[in-house]
Protein backbone atom coordinates (compact mmCIF):
# COMPACT_ATOMS: atom_id res chain seq x y z
CA MET A 1 112.91 82.59 125.46
CA GLY A 2 110.80 80.50 123.14
CA GLU A 3 107.62 80.85 121.14
CA LYS A 4 105.92 78.14 119.14
CA LYS A 5 105.85 79.04 115.50
CA LYS A 6 103.34 78.13 112.82
CA GLU A 7 104.08 78.11 109.13
CA THR A 8 101.74 77.70 106.18
CA SER A 9 102.43 77.20 102.53
CA SER A 10 100.77 76.56 99.21
CA MET A 11 102.29 75.20 96.04
CA VAL A 12 103.33 78.69 94.97
CA ALA A 13 103.35 81.23 97.78
CA MET A 14 104.51 80.58 101.30
CA ALA A 15 104.92 82.70 104.39
CA LEU A 16 106.22 82.22 107.91
CA TYR A 17 103.76 82.99 110.67
CA ILE A 18 103.44 82.97 114.45
CA THR A 19 100.60 83.54 116.89
CA LEU A 20 101.46 86.02 119.64
CA TYR A 21 99.22 86.88 122.58
CA ILE A 22 98.96 90.58 123.40
CA GLY A 23 96.98 92.52 126.01
CA ASN A 24 95.37 91.83 129.36
CA PRO A 25 93.36 89.70 128.99
CA SER A 26 95.57 88.44 126.18
CA LYS A 27 94.19 87.92 122.69
CA PRO A 28 95.78 86.08 119.75
CA TYR A 29 97.31 87.86 116.77
CA TYR A 30 98.58 85.98 113.74
CA LEU A 31 101.76 87.72 112.56
CA ASP A 32 104.09 87.50 109.58
CA ILE A 33 107.64 86.83 110.86
CA ASP A 34 109.88 89.42 109.23
CA THR A 35 113.62 89.64 109.89
CA GLY A 36 113.79 92.42 107.29
CA SER A 37 111.90 95.06 109.29
CA ASN A 38 112.04 96.39 112.85
CA LEU A 39 108.61 97.41 114.06
CA THR A 40 106.01 94.91 115.22
CA TRP A 41 102.47 96.07 114.48
CA VAL A 42 98.93 94.70 114.49
CA GLN A 43 95.80 95.91 112.75
CA CYS A 44 93.99 98.26 115.03
CA ALA A 45 90.43 99.55 115.50
CA ALA A 46 91.67 103.00 116.46
CA SER A 47 88.74 104.73 114.77
CA SER A 48 85.51 103.94 112.96
CA ASP A 49 87.11 104.70 109.59
CA ALA A 50 90.22 102.54 110.10
CA LYS A 51 91.44 101.06 106.82
CA LEU A 52 91.98 97.37 107.58
CA LEU A 53 92.77 94.33 105.45
CA LYS A 54 90.97 91.02 105.80
CA ALA A 55 92.51 89.20 108.78
CA PRO A 56 92.00 86.04 110.86
CA ASN A 57 91.35 87.81 114.19
CA SER A 58 89.54 90.89 115.45
CA PRO A 59 91.63 94.07 115.33
CA TYR A 60 93.45 95.29 118.42
CA LYS A 61 91.62 97.96 120.44
CA PRO A 62 93.81 100.57 122.16
CA ASN A 63 92.84 101.59 125.70
CA ASN A 64 94.57 104.78 126.80
CA ASN A 65 97.95 103.20 126.06
CA VAL A 66 99.22 105.43 123.25
CA LEU A 67 102.90 106.40 123.30
CA PHE A 68 103.84 110.05 122.83
CA CYS A 69 106.55 111.83 120.89
CA LYS A 70 108.57 112.27 124.08
CA ASP A 71 108.80 108.49 124.56
CA PRO A 72 112.32 107.21 123.66
CA LEU A 73 110.87 104.52 121.38
CA CYS A 74 109.32 107.18 119.15
CA SER A 75 112.73 108.34 117.93
CA PHE A 76 113.41 104.89 116.46
CA VAL A 77 110.41 104.64 114.11
CA GLU A 78 109.81 106.31 110.76
CA GLN A 79 107.21 109.02 111.20
CA PRO A 80 104.73 109.84 108.42
CA LYS A 81 105.26 113.14 106.64
CA GLU A 82 101.61 114.04 107.23
CA TYR A 83 101.82 113.48 111.00
CA PRO A 84 105.31 114.36 112.23
CA CYS A 85 106.03 114.97 115.91
CA LYS A 86 105.76 118.67 116.58
CA THR A 87 105.46 118.72 120.38
CA PRO A 88 106.53 116.15 123.02
CA ASN A 89 102.96 115.44 124.15
CA GLU A 90 101.55 114.54 120.75
CA GLN A 91 100.87 110.90 119.93
CA CYS A 92 103.72 109.14 118.11
CA ASP A 93 102.61 108.01 114.65
CA TYR A 94 104.60 105.62 112.46
CA GLU A 95 104.66 104.51 108.84
CA VAL A 96 106.35 101.44 107.35
CA HIS A 97 106.66 100.39 103.71
CA TYR A 98 107.57 96.94 102.39
CA SER A 99 109.13 95.82 99.13
CA ASP A 100 106.01 93.75 98.30
CA TYR A 101 104.07 97.03 97.91
CA GLY A 102 102.43 96.78 101.35
CA SER A 103 102.40 99.49 104.01
CA SER A 104 101.07 100.26 107.46
CA LEU A 105 100.28 103.64 109.01
CA GLY A 106 99.39 103.91 112.69
CA VAL A 107 100.24 105.02 116.20
CA LEU A 108 102.66 103.55 118.73
CA VAL A 109 101.07 101.89 121.76
CA GLN A 110 102.31 99.69 124.58
CA ASP A 111 100.79 96.57 126.09
CA SER A 112 101.76 93.27 127.67
CA PHE A 113 103.07 90.36 125.58
CA SER A 114 102.61 86.79 126.84
CA LEU A 115 105.93 84.95 126.42
CA LYS A 116 107.03 81.51 127.53
CA LEU A 117 110.52 81.22 129.03
CA THR A 118 112.77 78.24 128.39
CA ASN A 119 112.63 77.32 132.10
CA GLY A 120 108.89 76.76 131.74
CA SER A 121 107.76 79.96 133.45
CA ALA A 122 105.81 82.77 131.83
CA SER A 123 106.57 86.45 131.41
CA LYS A 124 104.33 89.35 130.40
CA PRO A 125 106.58 92.34 129.67
CA THR A 126 105.08 95.61 128.49
CA LEU A 127 106.41 96.38 125.01
CA GLY A 128 105.88 99.08 122.44
CA PHE A 129 104.40 98.21 119.05
CA GLY A 130 102.38 99.67 116.22
CA CYS A 131 98.61 100.01 116.21
CA GLY A 132 97.98 100.06 112.45
CA TYR A 133 94.85 101.97 111.45
CA ASP A 134 95.63 102.31 107.71
CA GLN A 135 96.96 99.29 105.80
CA GLU A 136 97.47 99.16 102.04
CA PHE A 137 98.62 96.39 99.73
CA ASN A 138 99.09 96.88 95.99
CA GLY A 139 101.32 93.94 95.10
CA PRO A 140 100.86 91.36 92.33
CA PHE A 141 99.98 88.65 94.86
CA PRO A 142 97.05 88.73 97.34
CA PRO A 143 97.93 90.31 100.71
CA PRO A 144 98.97 87.85 103.43
CA TYR A 145 96.09 86.71 105.64
CA VAL A 146 97.58 88.00 108.89
CA ASP A 147 96.83 90.42 111.72
CA GLY A 148 100.17 92.20 111.35
CA VAL A 149 103.93 91.84 111.27
CA LEU A 150 106.47 90.65 113.84
CA GLY A 151 109.52 92.80 113.06
CA LEU A 152 112.78 91.10 114.05
CA ALA A 153 115.50 93.18 112.39
CA ASN A 154 118.17 94.61 114.68
CA GLY A 155 116.80 98.15 115.11
CA LYS A 156 115.98 99.69 118.48
CA SER A 157 112.22 99.50 117.90
CA SER A 158 112.13 95.69 117.57
CA ILE A 159 110.59 93.82 120.49
CA VAL A 160 113.78 91.79 120.93
CA SER A 161 115.80 94.99 121.35
CA GLN A 162 113.22 96.11 123.92
CA LEU A 163 113.45 92.82 125.78
CA ARG A 164 117.24 93.18 125.79
CA SER A 165 116.99 96.68 127.26
CA PHE A 166 114.84 95.28 130.08
CA GLY A 167 117.48 92.61 130.81
CA LEU A 168 115.02 89.80 129.98
CA THR A 169 117.05 88.18 127.20
CA ARG A 170 120.14 88.58 125.09
CA ASN A 171 119.61 90.10 121.65
CA VAL A 172 119.73 86.78 119.82
CA ILE A 173 116.99 85.50 117.52
CA GLY A 174 116.66 81.99 116.12
CA HIS A 175 114.14 80.46 113.75
CA CYS A 176 113.63 77.05 112.22
CA PHE A 177 110.85 76.48 109.69
CA ALA A 178 110.03 72.97 108.50
CA ARG A 179 108.96 72.37 104.94
CA GLN A 180 106.13 70.20 106.31
CA GLY A 181 104.58 73.13 108.14
CA LYS A 182 105.91 73.23 111.71
CA GLY A 183 108.80 74.98 113.38
CA PHE A 184 109.89 77.26 116.18
CA LEU A 185 111.15 80.75 116.94
CA PHE A 186 113.21 81.76 119.98
CA PHE A 187 114.81 84.80 121.58
CA GLY A 188 118.07 84.49 123.55
CA ASP A 189 121.00 82.10 123.29
CA HIS A 190 119.80 79.12 125.34
CA LEU A 191 118.76 76.92 122.40
CA LEU A 192 121.88 77.07 120.24
CA PRO A 193 122.93 73.59 119.09
CA SER A 194 126.46 72.58 118.16
CA GLY A 195 127.43 72.52 114.50
CA LEU A 196 126.33 76.04 113.55
CA VAL A 197 128.32 77.66 110.75
CA TRP A 198 128.94 81.35 111.50
CA ALA A 199 129.60 84.43 109.36
CA PRO A 200 129.99 88.03 110.54
CA MET A 201 127.20 90.51 109.91
CA LEU A 202 128.13 93.35 107.62
CA SER A 203 127.89 96.88 108.97
CA THR A 204 125.21 98.73 107.01
CA SER A 205 123.26 101.94 107.43
CA SER A 206 120.07 99.88 107.45
CA ASN A 207 119.03 97.28 110.02
CA TYR A 208 119.11 94.38 107.56
CA TYR A 209 120.81 91.11 108.46
CA SER A 210 123.48 91.21 105.78
CA VAL A 211 126.48 88.91 105.19
CA GLY A 212 129.19 88.53 102.58
CA PRO A 213 131.01 88.85 100.36
CA VAL A 214 129.96 85.61 98.65
CA ASN A 215 130.40 83.99 95.26
CA LEU A 216 127.53 81.99 93.73
CA LEU A 217 128.55 78.52 92.57
CA ILE A 218 126.67 75.86 90.60
CA ASP A 219 128.53 72.58 90.03
CA GLY A 220 131.69 74.39 91.09
CA LYS A 221 131.27 77.08 88.42
CA THR A 222 131.06 80.73 89.44
CA SER A 223 127.76 82.33 88.55
CA GLY A 224 128.13 85.92 87.41
CA PRO A 225 129.39 88.80 89.57
CA GLN A 226 131.57 87.91 92.53
CA GLY A 227 131.75 89.32 96.05
CA LEU A 228 128.00 89.74 96.55
CA LYS A 229 126.39 90.95 99.76
CA VAL A 230 123.23 89.05 100.72
CA ILE A 231 120.38 89.78 103.14
CA PHE A 232 118.51 87.18 105.20
CA ASP A 233 114.83 88.19 105.11
CA SER A 234 112.11 85.88 106.41
CA GLY A 235 109.53 88.44 105.26
CA SER A 236 110.32 87.73 101.59
CA THR A 237 108.57 84.74 100.09
CA TYR A 238 111.18 84.14 97.41
CA THR A 239 114.93 84.57 97.01
CA TYR A 240 116.10 87.50 94.88
CA LEU A 241 119.35 88.24 93.05
CA ASN A 242 120.49 91.47 91.45
CA PRO A 243 119.96 91.54 87.66
CA GLN A 244 123.51 90.51 86.70
CA ALA A 245 123.71 87.65 89.22
CA TYR A 246 120.20 86.53 88.32
CA GLN A 247 120.86 86.34 84.58
CA ALA A 248 124.17 84.53 85.09
CA THR A 249 122.61 82.00 87.49
CA LEU A 250 119.66 81.40 85.16
CA SER A 251 122.02 80.90 82.22
CA LEU A 252 124.06 78.28 84.11
CA MET A 253 120.88 76.44 85.13
CA GLN A 254 119.50 76.44 81.59
CA THR A 255 122.80 75.12 80.24
CA ALA A 256 122.82 72.34 82.86
CA LEU A 257 119.26 71.37 81.88
CA SER A 258 120.08 70.90 78.18
CA GLY A 259 119.51 67.31 77.20
CA LYS A 260 117.20 66.67 80.13
CA LYS A 261 113.49 65.99 79.70
CA LEU A 262 112.29 69.38 80.88
CA ILE A 263 110.68 71.89 78.54
CA ALA A 264 110.41 75.62 79.23
CA VAL A 265 106.77 76.63 79.70
CA LYS A 266 104.83 79.76 80.57
CA ASP A 267 103.13 79.71 83.96
CA GLU A 268 101.28 82.71 85.39
CA ASN A 269 102.64 81.96 88.87
CA LEU A 270 106.36 82.59 88.31
CA PRO A 271 108.58 83.90 85.47
CA VAL A 272 110.76 80.83 84.77
CA CYS A 273 109.14 77.39 84.66
CA TRP A 274 109.53 73.94 83.08
CA LYS A 275 107.18 71.05 82.46
CA GLY A 276 107.87 67.34 82.35
CA ALA A 277 106.27 64.43 80.51
CA LYS A 278 103.51 64.56 83.14
CA PRO A 279 102.67 67.06 85.91
CA PHE A 280 105.01 67.01 88.90
CA GLN A 281 103.43 66.29 92.27
CA SER A 282 106.36 67.47 94.38
CA VAL A 283 109.84 68.97 94.18
CA ASP A 284 111.23 65.53 95.10
CA ALA A 285 110.05 64.23 91.72
CA VAL A 286 112.21 66.68 89.77
CA LYS A 287 115.02 67.91 92.05
CA ASN A 288 117.58 65.44 90.68
CA ASN A 289 117.62 67.45 87.45
CA PHE A 290 119.03 70.45 89.32
CA SER A 291 122.22 71.16 91.28
CA PRO A 292 122.69 72.94 94.61
CA LEU A 293 123.33 76.66 94.53
CA VAL A 294 126.23 77.46 96.86
CA LEU A 295 126.90 80.84 98.45
CA SER A 296 130.63 80.53 99.13
CA PHE A 297 132.09 83.13 101.49
CA THR A 298 135.29 84.61 100.10
CA ASN A 299 136.73 85.81 103.41
CA ALA A 300 136.29 82.60 105.40
CA LYS A 301 137.57 79.12 104.64
CA ASN A 302 134.97 76.36 104.21
CA VAL A 303 132.03 78.65 105.05
CA ALA A 304 129.08 78.30 102.69
CA PHE A 305 125.30 78.66 102.69
CA VAL A 306 123.98 75.83 100.50
CA LEU A 307 120.64 75.94 98.70
CA PRO A 308 119.69 72.43 97.60
CA PRO A 309 117.19 72.34 94.71
CA GLU A 310 114.25 72.09 97.10
CA ALA A 311 115.37 75.45 98.57
CA TYR A 312 114.80 77.28 95.29
CA LEU A 313 112.23 75.26 93.31
CA VAL A 314 108.43 75.49 93.47
CA ILE A 315 105.72 73.20 92.07
CA THR A 316 102.71 75.16 90.82
CA SER A 317 99.07 74.12 90.66
CA HIS A 318 99.68 73.20 86.99
CA GLY A 319 102.31 70.63 87.97
CA ASN A 320 105.13 72.70 86.52
CA VAL A 321 108.43 73.24 88.31
CA CYS A 322 109.39 76.91 88.64
CA LEU A 323 112.43 78.80 89.77
CA GLY A 324 111.84 80.43 93.17
CA ILE A 325 114.80 82.75 92.59
CA LEU A 326 113.64 86.02 91.05
CA ASN A 327 115.15 89.13 89.52
CA GLY A 328 115.35 91.66 92.35
CA ALA A 329 115.05 94.62 89.99
CA GLN A 330 111.50 93.50 89.15
CA ALA A 331 110.57 93.52 92.84
CA ASN A 332 111.72 97.03 93.73
CA LEU A 333 114.90 95.64 95.30
CA GLY A 334 117.36 97.31 92.96
CA ASN A 335 120.79 95.76 93.42
CA LEU A 336 120.01 93.87 96.63
CA ASN A 337 120.38 90.10 96.99
CA VAL A 338 117.85 88.54 99.37
CA ILE A 339 117.60 85.05 100.86
CA GLY A 340 113.86 84.58 101.41
CA ASP A 341 111.50 82.04 102.96
CA ILE A 342 111.88 79.42 100.27
CA SER A 343 115.61 79.11 100.98
CA LEU A 344 115.36 79.24 104.79
CA LEU A 345 113.26 76.10 105.28
CA ASP A 346 114.71 73.09 107.11
CA LYS A 347 117.53 75.25 108.50
CA LEU A 348 118.10 76.65 111.97
CA VAL A 349 119.18 80.26 111.43
CA VAL A 350 120.48 82.39 114.30
CA TYR A 351 120.97 86.17 114.34
CA ASP A 352 123.36 86.97 117.19
CA ASN A 353 123.19 90.75 117.56
CA GLU A 354 125.42 90.58 120.61
CA ARG A 355 128.35 89.16 118.64
CA GLN A 356 127.23 90.56 115.26
CA MET A 357 127.21 87.07 113.73
CA ILE A 358 124.72 84.97 111.74
CA GLY A 359 124.80 81.19 112.08
CA TRP A 360 122.99 78.34 110.33
CA THR A 361 122.83 74.58 110.03
CA PRO A 362 120.46 72.01 108.47
CA PHE A 363 118.02 71.02 111.20
CA ASN A 364 114.91 69.01 112.01
CA CYS A 365 112.60 71.95 112.61
CA ASN A 366 109.80 69.73 113.88
CA LYS A 367 111.65 69.37 117.19
CA ILE A 368 112.75 72.18 119.52
CA PRO A 369 116.33 71.63 120.78
CA LYS A 370 116.81 71.05 124.49
CA THR A 371 118.27 73.80 126.65
């Protein structure tokens, strides 16, 4: 089950987006692809005083399609403390919070989603999702210019889990985002190419896609703490390491850069940056000064997730090169290690919830594989 995916980026911030068509007649909604959360939601004109963020499309308008507390889907969403379910026939409200200081409060609704099948036919299943009437964003960066979020974690409220329960597809998600701006997203296991490297998902109390344990290596040297658990999260712009791993990785990189013609410089865009003799126009102009960062799995032979320099470096509007790996403690992530958008580009990544495995391989994301 495939959907064409659109991705946009700037020199500093990037995000992974898709346009989904919802309703009858269907209308477009531009959504942030997030493998780190479960619920899909769109901004919603549920009332005249709805608190909405600036978005590319008109808000969704519910039409007697609210889900109630007695609906099975309601038990799988986080309910707001102010509006908990008290009786089965009350509307089912939800609340989600994100690590980038964003949140959405709303009510569950159901409507048809327009999906294209890999055999060329179309399907319009009725799925439950959030109708967000109160959005907030208090992060250091501007809020994403989207209509909502496509939640693809492995919880029961995700639309892929719903599709699986209807027998429409297997609970497998794949995405491939090209650095040049194109890519694709698919549900099901019909588009899996050969050559994928697989690692088992870790069992966690959350619905994160987590793997490990891994050691971080730069030029064959171990960077800091060993046996780390890492989360794949397409909803995070950058990659994050826990404080100890971050400091150790940064120290190894700074040591490797000694003697090279890069000078540390302050840049308001990111915490750690360098400048050259003249402004850099692209990562390609400076990547040879850096080494790949390797996530080497300790419980599997020859299994590694490799981040070449272009998967962790960013060129800012000042022409500086900055480290796109950040200290997770400064982003409300505590001790978590997160592989974000910047490190997922030009890779096909597959989340097989049927087999509890995550697979990946370098890939030309401008071209959808044949079934």
